[in-house]
Amino acid sequence: MPDPFASGGPMLLAGTANRPLAEEIARELEYPLGEVTIKKFADGEIFVRIDENVRGRDLFIIQSTTAPGDNIIELLLLIDAARRASAARIHAVVPYFGYARQDRKDQPRVAIGAKLMANMIVSAGADRLLSVDFHQHQIQGFFDIPVDHLYASPVFTRYFREKRLTNLVVISPDVGSAKMARGFAKRLDATMGIIDKRRPAANVAEVMNVIGDVEGKDCLLSDDMIDTAGTMAEAAHALKNLGANDIYACATHALLSGPAVERLSKAPFKEIVVTDTVPVPREKRIPTLTVLSVGELVGRAIRYTHMNESVSSLFD
């Protein structure tokens, strides 16, 4: 009996959250994006229709769940439409998984948003989830389906290796990002430092101390996301005050909310490197900002998943 998943190759669909990245993934795989109709009724309600036959196909739906909530609803509706159209397997490809910061009940009467998002994706009918750099690794356990957790580190490592930086210190902006920073430091033959930070309120960061020797050295701040850029900007100023030489930053998800662009513009960065898991509009592309693509990485992961090969081999 022929393999229904191999017949015709993977089928790609995309929502409206990050169409340029979806198109790049399609180019990497050399498969076109499937035709989808997504529109809104007069009251703002979203209508979704898959305009091609998906029966028996291995389907990959590409949609980051950035704000606003319409992007999440689009993803759920696309999954539901694919399930009702008898797709063989439905993979939710979510380069940026929103609500990931709400991953625990650390205050009275708060929601665990990351678990709620996972429940909705599973209930809609997804068979598998593929995402890039979760805010916390334990979010994989919120899903009752297999999860492929990709890391953007190979994209950043390749870029910074080409710069041939010497005497480099990789700095974690907080204790939570120390594991990521340690991985970068190992791959870039660099030493490591940590920012001792306390956060008096949400989206408000205050740098307290820098652990590690940075005087006269180039520094690379690494994190999973830049939201309002308070952490990154304060860290850069602290490093410069301690005598650091050139200061770089890298972060997978460039949310760049509120005062982020202004803060990054005023901070003493030589270069800020992000990826395109979240679309970065032209008005936010300041001269020091470089946007790298994860299209090749996600495309290869989709190919390996479709062929039932090991995705973890991408990071060996």
Protein backbone atom coordinates (compact mmCIF):
# COMPACT_ATOMS: atom_id res chain seq x y z
CA MET A 1 0.00 0.00 0.00
CA PRO A 2 1.55 3.38 -0.96
CA ASP A 3 2.48 5.82 1.79
CA PRO A 4 -0.24 8.53 1.81
CA PHE A 5 2.13 10.99 3.48
CA ALA A 6 4.77 10.70 0.76
CA SER A 7 2.22 11.11 -2.03
CA GLY A 8 2.63 14.58 -3.49
CA GLY A 9 4.93 15.73 -0.69
CA PRO A 10 3.94 17.93 2.23
CA MET A 11 1.17 20.48 1.76
CA LEU A 12 1.73 23.98 3.17
CA LEU A 13 -0.90 26.46 4.29
CA ALA A 14 -0.38 29.84 5.92
CA GLY A 15 -2.38 32.31 7.94
CA THR A 16 -1.85 36.06 7.77
CA ALA A 17 0.39 36.48 10.84
CA ASN A 18 3.72 36.15 9.01
CA ARG A 19 3.18 35.60 5.30
CA PRO A 20 6.78 36.51 4.26
CA LEU A 21 8.25 33.77 6.46
CA ALA A 22 5.69 31.25 5.16
CA GLU A 23 6.68 32.11 1.59
CA GLU A 24 10.36 31.66 2.42
CA ILE A 25 9.68 28.25 3.97
CA ALA A 26 7.78 27.31 0.81
CA ARG A 27 10.75 28.37 -1.34
CA GLU A 28 13.10 26.33 0.84
CA LEU A 29 10.92 23.24 0.40
CA GLU A 30 10.17 24.00 -3.26
CA TYR A 31 6.45 23.49 -2.63
CA PRO A 32 3.87 26.24 -3.18
CA LEU A 33 1.65 27.53 -0.42
CA GLY A 34 -1.86 26.14 -0.71
CA GLU A 35 -4.74 28.44 -1.53
CA VAL A 36 -6.67 29.68 1.50
CA THR A 37 -9.43 32.28 1.85
CA ILE A 38 -9.26 34.29 5.07
CA LYS A 39 -11.58 37.24 5.49
CA LYS A 40 -13.68 39.01 8.09
CA PHE A 41 -17.39 39.60 8.37
CA ALA A 42 -18.60 43.14 9.04
CA ASP A 43 -18.55 42.52 12.81
CA GLY A 44 -14.91 41.33 12.74
CA GLU A 45 -15.63 37.60 12.90
CA ILE A 46 -13.04 35.59 10.94
CA PHE A 47 -13.98 33.29 8.07
CA VAL A 48 -11.53 30.60 6.88
CA ARG A 49 -11.78 28.27 3.88
CA ILE A 50 -9.15 25.94 2.43
CA ASP A 51 -9.50 26.24 -1.35
CA GLU A 52 -7.69 23.01 -2.29
CA ASN A 53 -8.29 19.32 -1.66
CA VAL A 54 -6.36 18.22 1.46
CA ARG A 55 -7.88 14.75 1.91
CA GLY A 56 -5.16 12.29 2.91
CA ARG A 57 -2.40 14.94 2.79
CA ASP A 58 0.39 15.65 5.26
CA LEU A 59 -0.58 19.23 6.11
CA PHE A 60 1.59 21.94 7.69
CA ILE A 61 -0.18 25.13 8.81
CA ILE A 62 2.25 28.04 9.33
CA GLN A 63 1.04 30.71 11.73
CA SER A 64 2.76 32.61 14.56
CA THR A 65 0.40 33.43 17.42
CA THR A 66 1.47 37.01 17.96
CA ALA A 67 -0.95 39.64 19.28
CA PRO A 68 -3.72 40.42 18.51
CA GLY A 69 -5.79 37.33 19.29
CA ASP A 70 -7.05 37.12 15.69
CA ASN A 71 -3.88 35.23 14.78
CA ILE A 72 -4.67 32.51 17.30
CA ILE A 73 -8.26 32.23 16.07
CA GLU A 74 -7.02 31.98 12.47
CA LEU A 75 -4.75 29.09 13.43
CA LEU A 76 -7.54 27.26 15.25
CA LEU A 77 -9.97 27.73 12.37
CA LEU A 78 -7.40 26.50 9.83
CA ILE A 79 -6.73 23.39 11.94
CA ASP A 80 -10.46 22.73 12.32
CA ALA A 81 -11.06 23.19 8.58
CA ALA A 82 -8.23 20.78 7.76
CA ARG A 83 -9.53 18.16 10.20
CA ARG A 84 -13.05 18.38 8.77
CA ALA A 85 -11.57 18.10 5.25
CA SER A 86 -9.92 14.76 6.21
CA ALA A 87 -6.24 15.72 6.13
CA ALA A 88 -4.10 12.71 7.10
CA ARG A 89 -1.88 14.58 9.56
CA ILE A 90 -2.14 18.19 10.71
CA HIS A 91 1.02 19.93 11.91
CA ALA A 92 0.73 23.36 13.55
CA VAL A 93 3.92 25.26 12.64
CA VAL A 94 4.02 28.13 15.15
CA PRO A 95 7.39 29.94 14.84
CA TYR A 96 6.44 32.24 17.74
CA PHE A 97 4.19 30.69 20.40
CA GLY A 98 2.30 33.51 22.10
CA TYR A 99 1.11 33.56 25.73
CA ALA A 100 4.21 31.52 26.63
CA ARG A 101 5.15 33.91 29.45
CA GLN A 102 1.97 32.90 31.28
CA ASP A 103 3.33 29.46 32.06
CA ARG A 104 2.64 29.10 35.81
CA LYS A 105 0.32 30.29 38.57
CA ASP A 106 2.74 32.59 40.41
CA GLN A 107 0.04 34.94 41.71
CA PRO A 108 -3.46 34.41 43.10
CA ARG A 109 -6.28 34.21 40.55
CA VAL A 110 -4.21 34.31 37.34
CA ALA A 111 -4.63 32.17 34.23
CA ILE A 112 -1.99 29.82 32.87
CA GLY A 113 -2.30 31.16 29.35
CA ALA A 114 0.32 28.88 27.77
CA LYS A 115 -1.58 25.77 28.87
CA LEU A 116 -4.87 27.22 27.62
CA MET A 117 -3.31 27.90 24.18
CA ALA A 118 -1.98 24.33 24.09
CA ASN A 119 -5.38 22.90 24.99
CA MET A 120 -7.10 24.87 22.21
CA ILE A 121 -4.58 23.82 19.55
CA VAL A 122 -4.94 20.15 20.54
CA SER A 123 -8.74 20.37 20.76
CA ALA A 124 -8.93 21.99 17.32
CA GLY A 125 -7.37 18.85 15.86
CA ALA A 126 -3.59 19.35 15.49
CA ASP A 127 -1.57 16.12 15.49
CA ARG A 128 1.80 17.78 16.10
CA LEU A 129 3.27 21.19 16.97
CA LEU A 130 6.50 22.70 15.69
CA SER A 131 7.80 25.91 17.27
CA VAL A 132 11.00 27.92 17.73
CA ASP A 133 12.52 28.85 21.12
CA PHE A 134 9.71 28.53 23.64
CA HIS A 135 9.94 31.03 26.49
CA GLN A 136 10.34 28.04 28.82
CA HIS A 137 11.14 24.47 27.80
CA GLN A 138 8.48 22.96 30.07
CA ILE A 139 5.77 24.35 27.78
CA GLN A 140 6.34 21.23 25.65
CA GLY A 141 4.70 19.28 28.46
CA PHE A 142 1.52 21.35 28.18
CA PHE A 143 0.69 19.58 24.91
CA ASP A 144 -0.85 16.11 24.70
CA ILE A 145 0.58 15.74 21.19
CA PRO A 146 4.22 15.48 20.01
CA VAL A 147 6.15 18.77 19.98
CA ASP A 148 9.22 19.60 17.92
CA HIS A 149 11.04 22.41 19.70
CA LEU A 150 13.51 24.11 17.35
CA TYR A 151 16.34 26.38 18.42
CA ALA A 152 17.44 29.49 16.53
CA SER A 153 20.96 29.12 17.95
CA PRO A 154 22.44 27.61 14.73
CA VAL A 155 21.26 30.70 12.81
CA PHE A 156 22.87 33.08 15.32
CA THR A 157 26.01 30.99 15.78
CA ARG A 158 26.70 30.93 12.04
CA TYR A 159 26.24 34.70 11.82
CA PHE A 160 28.51 35.60 14.72
CA ARG A 161 31.19 33.08 13.76
CA GLU A 162 31.54 34.91 10.45
CA LYS A 163 32.32 38.11 12.39
CA ARG A 164 35.36 36.37 13.92
CA LEU A 165 34.95 38.17 17.25
CA THR A 166 37.77 37.59 19.73
CA ASN A 167 37.84 38.02 23.49
CA LEU A 168 34.02 37.65 23.52
CA VAL A 169 31.78 37.35 26.57
CA VAL A 170 28.25 35.99 26.13
CA ILE A 171 25.97 37.65 28.67
CA SER A 172 22.70 36.23 29.96
CA PRO A 173 20.31 39.12 30.74
CA ASP A 174 18.85 37.11 33.65
CA VAL A 175 19.29 33.78 35.40
CA GLY A 176 16.47 32.21 33.36
CA SER A 177 18.40 32.67 30.10
CA ALA A 178 21.68 31.31 31.47
CA LYS A 179 21.37 27.93 29.74
CA MET A 180 20.90 29.60 26.34
CA ALA A 181 23.88 31.88 26.97
CA ARG A 182 26.04 28.93 28.04
CA GLY A 183 25.26 27.18 24.76
CA PHE A 184 26.24 30.25 22.73
CA ALA A 185 29.43 30.68 24.72
CA LYS A 186 30.44 27.07 24.04
CA ARG A 187 29.79 27.32 20.30
CA LEU A 188 31.54 30.69 19.96
CA ASP A 189 34.54 29.79 22.17
CA ALA A 190 33.59 32.63 24.51
CA THR A 191 33.37 33.14 28.25
CA MET A 192 30.06 33.79 29.99
CA GLY A 193 28.51 36.37 32.30
CA ILE A 194 25.11 36.93 33.92
CA ILE A 195 23.06 40.05 34.69
CA ASP A 196 21.66 40.05 38.22
CA LYS A 197 18.30 41.72 37.69
CA ARG A 198 15.13 42.30 39.61
CA ARG A 199 11.81 43.20 38.01
CA PRO A 200 9.65 45.51 40.18
CA ALA A 201 6.71 45.27 37.75
CA ALA A 202 5.79 43.59 34.45
CA ASN A 203 7.83 44.96 31.51
CA VAL A 204 9.97 46.97 33.97
CA ALA A 205 13.56 45.84 34.45
CA GLU A 206 16.23 47.19 36.76
CA VAL A 207 19.81 45.95 36.45
CA MET A 208 21.43 45.35 39.81
CA ASN A 209 24.81 43.78 39.08
CA VAL A 210 26.93 42.14 36.37
CA ILE A 211 28.53 38.80 37.24
CA GLY A 212 31.64 38.26 35.14
CA ASP A 213 34.60 40.18 33.71
CA VAL A 214 33.58 42.42 30.80
CA GLU A 215 36.11 45.25 30.93
CA GLY A 216 37.76 45.75 27.53
CA LYS A 217 35.85 42.83 26.00
CA ASP A 218 33.17 42.50 23.34
CA CYS A 219 29.83 41.37 24.81
CA LEU A 220 26.92 39.45 23.29
CA LEU A 221 23.59 39.66 25.14
CA SER A 222 21.39 36.67 24.29
CA ASP A 223 17.70 36.16 25.06
CA ASP A 224 14.63 34.45 23.59
CA MET A 225 12.70 37.69 22.94
CA ILE A 226 12.81 41.47 22.97
CA ASP A 227 9.46 42.93 24.00
CA THR A 228 9.70 46.47 25.40
CA ALA A 229 13.54 46.19 25.39
CA GLY A 230 13.85 47.39 28.99
CA THR A 231 16.04 44.43 29.96
CA MET A 232 18.30 44.66 26.91
CA ALA A 233 18.74 48.43 27.07
CA GLU A 234 19.50 48.51 30.81
CA ALA A 235 21.93 45.61 30.43
CA ALA A 236 23.78 47.35 27.58
CA HIS A 237 24.18 50.54 29.63
CA ALA A 238 25.43 48.52 32.62
CA LEU A 239 27.99 46.69 30.48
CA LYS A 240 29.25 49.92 28.91
CA ASN A 241 29.60 51.51 32.36
CA LEU A 242 31.79 48.58 33.38
CA GLY A 243 34.13 49.19 30.44
CA ALA A 244 32.83 46.74 27.85
CA ASN A 245 34.03 47.29 24.29
CA ASP A 246 31.49 46.56 21.49
CA ILE A 247 28.08 45.32 22.66
CA TYR A 248 25.94 43.01 20.52
CA ALA A 249 22.55 41.48 21.21
CA CYS A 250 20.66 38.55 19.76
CA ALA A 251 17.07 37.45 20.39
CA THR A 252 14.84 35.04 18.50
CA HIS A 253 11.52 36.87 18.74
CA ALA A 254 11.51 40.63 17.99
CA LEU A 255 8.19 41.76 19.46
CA LEU A 256 9.48 45.36 19.80
CA SER A 257 6.46 46.66 21.68
CA GLY A 258 5.83 50.19 22.94
CA PRO A 259 9.09 52.06 23.65
CA ALA A 260 11.34 49.24 22.43
CA VAL A 261 12.65 50.93 19.27
CA GLU A 262 13.43 54.17 21.10
CA ARG A 263 15.22 52.31 23.91
CA LEU A 264 17.30 50.22 21.52
CA SER A 265 18.20 53.31 19.48
CA LYS A 266 19.54 55.07 22.58
CA ALA A 267 21.34 52.04 24.02
CA PRO A 268 25.06 51.57 23.20
CA PHE A 269 24.62 48.59 20.87
CA LYS A 270 26.89 48.01 17.92
CA GLU A 271 24.35 45.54 16.46
CA ILE A 272 21.09 43.87 17.50
CA VAL A 273 20.37 40.59 15.69
CA VAL A 274 16.89 39.02 15.64
CA THR A 275 15.01 36.51 13.49
CA ASP A 276 11.84 36.75 11.42
CA THR A 277 9.64 34.47 13.57
CA VAL A 278 7.72 37.71 14.14
CA PRO A 279 7.49 40.16 11.20
CA VAL A 280 9.48 43.35 11.82
CA PRO A 281 7.90 46.33 10.01
CA ARG A 282 10.16 48.75 8.16
CA GLU A 283 9.49 51.61 10.58
CA LYS A 284 11.04 49.53 13.39
CA ARG A 285 14.17 48.53 11.45
CA ILE A 286 16.67 50.89 13.02
CA PRO A 287 20.23 51.00 11.58
CA THR A 288 21.63 48.72 14.29
CA LEU A 289 18.97 46.03 13.76
CA THR A 290 19.73 42.95 11.63
CA VAL A 291 16.97 40.43 10.83
CA LEU A 292 18.01 36.85 10.04
CA SER A 293 15.65 34.27 8.60
CA VAL A 294 14.63 30.96 10.18
CA GLY A 295 13.02 29.90 6.89
CA GLU A 296 15.72 27.35 6.07
CA LEU A 297 15.70 25.94 9.61
CA VAL A 298 11.90 25.53 9.76
CA GLY A 299 11.78 24.26 6.18
CA ARG A 300 14.30 21.52 6.93
CA ALA A 301 12.39 20.57 10.08
CA ILE A 302 9.18 20.27 8.05
CA ARG A 303 10.96 18.07 5.48
CA TYR A 304 12.39 15.81 8.20
CA THR A 305 8.99 15.54 9.92
CA HIS A 306 7.25 14.68 6.67
CA MET A 307 9.83 11.98 5.91
CA ASN A 308 9.65 10.66 9.52
CA GLU A 309 13.31 11.48 10.10
CA SER A 310 14.95 12.88 13.21
CA VAL A 311 14.42 16.62 13.73
CA SER A 312 16.96 16.71 16.57
CA SER A 313 19.68 15.91 14.01
CA LEU A 314 19.40 19.57 12.93
CA PHE A 315 21.19 20.53 16.15
CA ASP A 316 23.83 17.79 16.39
